[in-house]
Amino acid sequence: NLTTLWLNKIYSEVTFLPPNDQDWLPKLQTLKFKQVEKFNFESNLNNVKTLSIEDCSVDNITVIKLNNLPNLQELRIVSNPLITEVPPQAFVHNPNLIKLELNNNNISTTHSDSLNGLKYLEFLDLQDNDFLANLPNDFFNHVPNLKSLNVSETKIDLSSPAFKSGYFAKLEELNVQEINTK
């Protein structure tokens, strides 16, 4: 009956292995890691809708194995200073994502297809990625339903082609504070 699992300050590896290849933790909907040294999803967590990875030793988004979370709707990857890139096709196995928080990492690199497959994404937070200066021209092409965007405390130039109006037909909120393009 477990619906929420919060793991905080665990300094050994946490591995999710299903018993006898069954759907493991069938009612789990929320999974939160904070200051967890290492974790591994070796099983599908089919009903998880919210995943939070905060202040962990993650150095690459792809090691999270998001393909094992097919029904994910909210993803928080925050305060992980070793993350410097949003790789191509990073969330392609999570087409139901509505909310994506990538704030307070050290992201400096994105790709034109980093957000590929996220046609339902409504909320994107890139705040406090101090080295994030350039977004590919078509970075927002894959998120036609984006309603809220936070690029505060980055070096992003809002006059760049990535911000052409055609990508923001549904944008309702744009949060821009302390932008330093120098």
Protein backbone atom coordinates (compact mmCIF):
# COMPACT_ATOMS: atom_id res chain seq x y z
CA ASN A 1 0.00 0.00 0.00
CA LEU A 2 3.06 2.28 -0.04
CA THR A 3 2.32 5.36 -2.17
CA THR A 4 5.20 7.69 -1.18
CA LEU A 5 8.81 6.80 -0.48
CA TRP A 6 11.25 9.46 0.70
CA LEU A 7 14.89 8.48 1.11
CA ASN A 8 17.02 11.11 2.82
CA LYS A 9 20.72 11.05 3.74
CA ILE A 10 21.50 7.49 2.71
CA TYR A 11 25.19 6.98 2.15
CA SER A 12 25.08 3.59 0.49
CA GLU A 13 23.58 2.33 -2.78
CA VAL A 14 19.80 2.03 -3.04
CA THR A 15 18.70 -0.48 -5.68
CA PHE A 16 15.17 -1.24 -6.76
CA LEU A 17 15.01 -4.91 -7.80
CA PRO A 18 11.62 -6.51 -8.36
CA PRO A 19 10.93 -9.90 -6.81
CA ASN A 20 10.34 -12.52 -9.51
CA ASP A 21 10.09 -9.89 -12.25
CA GLN A 22 6.71 -8.66 -10.98
CA ASP A 23 5.40 -5.14 -10.85
CA TRP A 24 7.18 -3.96 -7.74
CA LEU A 25 5.57 -1.49 -5.36
CA PRO A 26 2.43 -1.31 -7.50
CA LYS A 27 0.90 1.65 -5.60
CA LEU A 28 4.05 3.78 -5.35
CA GLN A 29 3.32 7.18 -6.92
CA THR A 30 5.93 9.49 -5.38
CA LEU A 31 9.63 8.76 -5.02
CA LYS A 32 11.98 11.32 -3.45
CA PHE A 33 15.74 11.11 -3.02
CA LYS A 34 17.64 13.72 -1.05
CA GLN A 35 21.34 13.36 -0.34
CA VAL A 36 21.37 9.76 -1.51
CA GLU A 37 24.82 8.72 -2.62
CA LYS A 38 23.85 6.20 -5.30
CA PHE A 39 20.60 4.69 -6.55
CA ASN A 40 19.58 2.32 -9.31
CA PHE A 41 16.21 1.50 -10.90
CA GLU A 42 16.45 -2.03 -12.23
CA SER A 43 12.71 -2.41 -12.37
CA ASN A 44 9.78 -0.61 -13.88
CA LEU A 45 8.06 1.54 -11.35
CA ASN A 46 5.00 1.83 -13.56
CA ASN A 47 2.83 3.95 -11.28
CA VAL A 48 5.39 6.50 -10.16
CA LYS A 49 4.13 9.92 -11.22
CA THR A 50 6.54 12.12 -9.23
CA LEU A 51 10.31 11.70 -8.91
CA SER A 52 12.57 14.09 -7.01
CA ILE A 53 16.36 13.82 -7.02
CA GLU A 54 17.79 16.55 -4.85
CA ASP A 55 21.38 17.11 -3.73
CA CYS A 56 22.53 13.64 -4.74
CA SER A 57 25.78 12.45 -6.30
CA VAL A 58 24.26 12.34 -9.78
CA ASP A 59 26.62 13.49 -12.51
CA ASN A 60 24.51 12.74 -15.58
CA ILE A 61 20.76 12.73 -16.20
CA THR A 62 20.99 9.49 -18.19
CA VAL A 63 22.18 7.45 -15.18
CA ILE A 64 18.78 7.98 -13.57
CA LYS A 65 17.27 5.44 -16.02
CA LEU A 66 14.12 7.40 -16.63
CA ASN A 67 12.99 4.78 -19.15
CA ASN A 68 11.90 2.66 -16.16
CA LEU A 69 9.37 5.32 -15.16
CA PRO A 70 6.93 5.36 -18.10
CA ASN A 71 4.10 7.27 -16.35
CA LEU A 72 6.20 10.02 -14.82
CA GLN A 73 4.42 13.41 -14.74
CA GLU A 74 6.65 15.50 -12.46
CA LEU A 75 10.43 15.34 -12.38
CA ARG A 76 12.69 17.35 -10.07
CA ILE A 77 16.43 17.07 -10.65
CA VAL A 78 17.65 19.92 -8.48
CA SER A 79 20.78 20.94 -6.58
CA ASN A 80 23.00 18.37 -8.23
CA PRO A 81 26.14 20.37 -9.01
CA LEU A 82 27.74 17.60 -11.09
CA ILE A 83 25.02 17.79 -13.75
CA THR A 84 26.29 20.02 -16.57
CA GLU A 85 24.22 18.86 -19.56
CA VAL A 86 20.70 18.05 -20.62
CA PRO A 87 21.55 15.32 -23.15
CA PRO A 88 19.74 14.67 -26.42
CA GLN A 89 16.50 12.69 -26.02
CA ALA A 90 16.91 12.87 -22.24
CA PHE A 91 13.20 12.48 -21.50
CA VAL A 92 11.98 10.62 -24.59
CA HIS A 93 10.73 7.71 -22.43
CA ASN A 94 8.64 10.07 -20.30
CA PRO A 95 6.07 11.49 -22.71
CA ASN A 96 3.60 12.27 -19.89
CA LEU A 97 5.86 14.80 -18.16
CA ILE A 98 3.95 17.93 -17.26
CA LYS A 99 6.43 19.52 -14.86
CA LEU A 100 10.24 19.49 -15.22
CA GLU A 101 12.48 21.20 -12.67
CA LEU A 102 16.18 21.33 -13.50
CA ASN A 103 17.07 24.25 -11.27
CA ASN A 104 20.21 24.82 -9.22
CA ASN A 105 22.45 22.42 -11.12
CA ASN A 106 25.45 23.46 -13.21
CA ILE A 107 23.85 22.97 -16.61
CA SER A 108 25.77 24.70 -19.36
CA THR A 109 24.89 22.50 -22.35
CA THR A 110 21.56 21.68 -23.96
CA HIS A 111 20.70 20.22 -27.35
CA SER A 112 17.94 20.93 -29.85
CA ASP A 113 16.33 17.59 -29.00
CA SER A 114 16.90 17.63 -25.22
CA LEU A 115 13.15 18.07 -24.70
CA ASN A 116 12.08 15.77 -27.53
CA GLY A 117 8.83 13.93 -26.86
CA LEU A 118 7.53 16.28 -24.16
CA LYS A 119 4.43 17.51 -25.94
CA TYR A 120 2.47 17.72 -22.65
CA LEU A 121 5.12 19.68 -20.72
CA GLU A 122 3.60 22.79 -19.15
CA PHE A 123 6.22 23.87 -16.59
CA LEU A 124 9.99 24.14 -17.12
CA ASP A 125 12.36 25.51 -14.48
CA LEU A 126 15.97 26.18 -15.48
CA GLN A 127 16.63 28.70 -12.71
CA ASP A 128 20.01 29.06 -11.07
CA ASN A 129 22.09 27.28 -13.68
CA ASP A 130 24.78 29.95 -13.63
CA PHE A 131 26.62 28.67 -16.71
CA LEU A 132 23.56 28.26 -18.95
CA ALA A 133 24.00 30.93 -21.62
CA ASN A 134 22.98 29.50 -24.98
CA LEU A 135 19.98 27.46 -25.97
CA PRO A 136 19.74 25.90 -29.43
CA ASN A 137 17.47 27.85 -31.79
CA ASP A 138 14.80 25.13 -31.73
CA PHE A 139 15.19 24.11 -28.07
CA PHE A 140 11.51 24.83 -27.30
CA ASN A 141 10.19 23.24 -30.49
CA HIS A 142 9.21 19.99 -28.71
CA VAL A 143 7.17 21.62 -25.91
CA PRO A 144 4.13 23.20 -27.62
CA ASN A 145 2.07 23.30 -24.41
CA LEU A 146 4.58 25.16 -22.26
CA LYS A 147 2.73 27.53 -19.91
CA SER A 148 5.43 28.46 -17.38
CA LEU A 149 9.15 29.02 -17.92
CA ASN A 150 11.73 30.09 -15.34
CA VAL A 151 15.17 31.16 -16.62
CA SER A 152 16.14 33.35 -13.65
CA GLU A 153 19.75 33.41 -12.50
CA THR A 154 21.11 32.14 -15.82
CA LYS A 155 23.05 33.85 -18.60
CA ILE A 156 20.39 33.19 -21.22
CA ASP A 157 19.87 35.97 -23.76
CA LEU A 158 16.13 36.37 -24.24
CA SER A 159 16.70 38.02 -27.63
CA SER A 160 18.21 34.81 -29.03
CA PRO A 161 16.35 32.87 -31.76
CA ALA A 162 15.41 30.20 -29.19
CA PHE A 163 12.86 32.65 -27.83
CA LYS A 164 10.99 33.37 -31.05
CA SER A 165 7.32 33.82 -30.35
CA GLY A 166 6.07 30.84 -32.36
CA TYR A 167 7.25 28.46 -29.64
CA PHE A 168 5.32 30.20 -26.86
CA ALA A 169 1.73 30.27 -28.04
CA LYS A 170 0.48 28.97 -24.68
CA LEU A 171 3.03 30.63 -22.37
CA GLU A 172 1.32 32.33 -19.43
CA GLU A 173 4.27 32.90 -17.08
CA LEU A 174 7.87 33.84 -17.80
CA ASN A 175 10.11 34.29 -14.76
CA VAL A 176 13.25 36.30 -15.52
CA GLN A 177 15.30 37.64 -12.62
CA GLU A 178 18.99 38.35 -12.20
CA ILE A 179 19.99 37.53 -15.77
CA ASN A 180 23.67 38.16 -16.41
CA THR A 181 24.54 37.77 -20.10
CA LYS A 182 28.14 38.85 -19.55
